[in-house]
N, C-alpha and C. Protein backbone atom coordinates (compact mmCIF):
# COMPACT_ATOMS: atom_id res chain seq x y z
N MET A 1 23.45 -19.14 -9.70
CA MET A 1 23.10 -18.14 -8.52
C MET A 1 23.17 -18.95 -7.20
N ALA A 2 23.89 -18.29 -6.30
CA ALA A 2 24.19 -18.96 -5.01
C ALA A 2 22.77 -19.08 -4.32
N LEU A 3 22.81 -20.17 -3.29
CA LEU A 3 21.61 -20.40 -2.62
C LEU A 3 21.33 -19.32 -1.70
N THR A 4 22.31 -18.69 -0.98
CA THR A 4 22.12 -17.52 -0.07
C THR A 4 21.45 -16.41 -0.91
N GLU A 5 21.88 -16.11 -2.21
CA GLU A 5 21.33 -14.99 -2.93
C GLU A 5 19.79 -15.35 -3.12
N MET A 6 19.39 -16.43 -3.42
CA MET A 6 18.02 -16.73 -3.68
C MET A 6 17.21 -16.54 -2.40
N VAL A 7 17.72 -17.01 -1.32
CA VAL A 7 17.14 -16.79 -0.04
C VAL A 7 17.03 -15.28 0.29
N MET A 8 18.06 -14.59 0.20
CA MET A 8 18.01 -13.01 0.36
C MET A 8 17.07 -12.46 -0.52
N ALA A 9 16.93 -12.80 -1.78
CA ALA A 9 16.01 -12.16 -2.55
C ALA A 9 14.57 -12.52 -2.25
N GLU A 10 14.34 -13.73 -1.71
CA GLU A 10 12.95 -13.99 -1.33
C GLU A 10 12.59 -13.36 0.05
N ILE A 11 13.57 -13.33 0.87
CA ILE A 11 13.20 -12.49 2.14
C ILE A 11 12.95 -11.02 1.81
N ILE A 12 13.67 -10.43 0.97
CA ILE A 12 13.47 -9.10 0.61
C ILE A 12 12.10 -8.67 -0.06
N ARG A 13 11.72 -9.84 -0.97
CA ARG A 13 10.46 -9.80 -1.62
C ARG A 13 9.43 -9.77 -0.61
N ASN A 14 9.60 -10.71 0.38
CA ASN A 14 8.37 -10.79 1.43
C ASN A 14 8.34 -9.64 2.27
N LEU A 15 9.73 -8.95 2.70
CA LEU A 15 9.46 -7.82 3.49
C LEU A 15 8.86 -6.56 2.64
N LYS A 16 9.12 -6.68 1.31
CA LYS A 16 8.36 -5.35 0.62
C LYS A 16 6.96 -5.70 0.43
N GLU A 17 6.36 -6.87 0.37
CA GLU A 17 4.96 -7.25 0.36
C GLU A 17 4.32 -6.95 1.74
N GLN A 18 5.09 -7.08 2.82
CA GLN A 18 4.33 -6.91 4.11
C GLN A 18 5.13 -6.02 4.90
N GLU A 19 5.44 -4.72 4.32
CA GLU A 19 6.18 -3.77 5.05
C GLU A 19 6.07 -3.54 6.49
N GLY A 20 4.74 -2.87 6.73
CA GLY A 20 4.61 -2.77 8.20
C GLY A 20 4.34 -3.96 9.01
N LEU A 21 3.77 -4.93 8.77
CA LEU A 21 3.35 -6.23 9.46
C LEU A 21 4.66 -6.89 9.64
N GLY A 22 5.52 -7.04 8.43
CA GLY A 22 6.72 -7.87 8.58
C GLY A 22 7.60 -7.18 9.65
N ALA A 23 7.89 -5.82 9.48
CA ALA A 23 8.84 -5.33 10.33
C ALA A 23 8.37 -5.32 11.86
N GLU A 24 7.11 -5.31 12.07
CA GLU A 24 6.49 -5.35 13.45
C GLU A 24 6.73 -6.73 14.03
N VAL A 25 6.67 -7.76 13.25
CA VAL A 25 6.71 -9.13 13.62
C VAL A 25 8.22 -9.36 13.89
N TYR A 26 9.13 -9.07 13.03
CA TYR A 26 10.57 -9.26 13.16
C TYR A 26 11.14 -8.47 14.30
N GLY A 27 10.65 -7.44 14.52
CA GLY A 27 11.11 -6.44 15.59
C GLY A 27 10.79 -7.10 16.87
N LYS A 28 9.66 -7.82 17.12
CA LYS A 28 9.29 -8.32 18.31
C LYS A 28 10.12 -9.58 18.73
N ASN A 29 10.42 -10.36 17.55
CA ASN A 29 11.07 -11.68 17.83
C ASN A 29 12.58 -11.39 17.93
């Protein structure tokens, strides 16, 4: 498995866990 795929999977997992809060934070930055 490529490193980028692992990173993407982890990011997606984090976004799903913190739906609203994550979107708000990333939107501001």
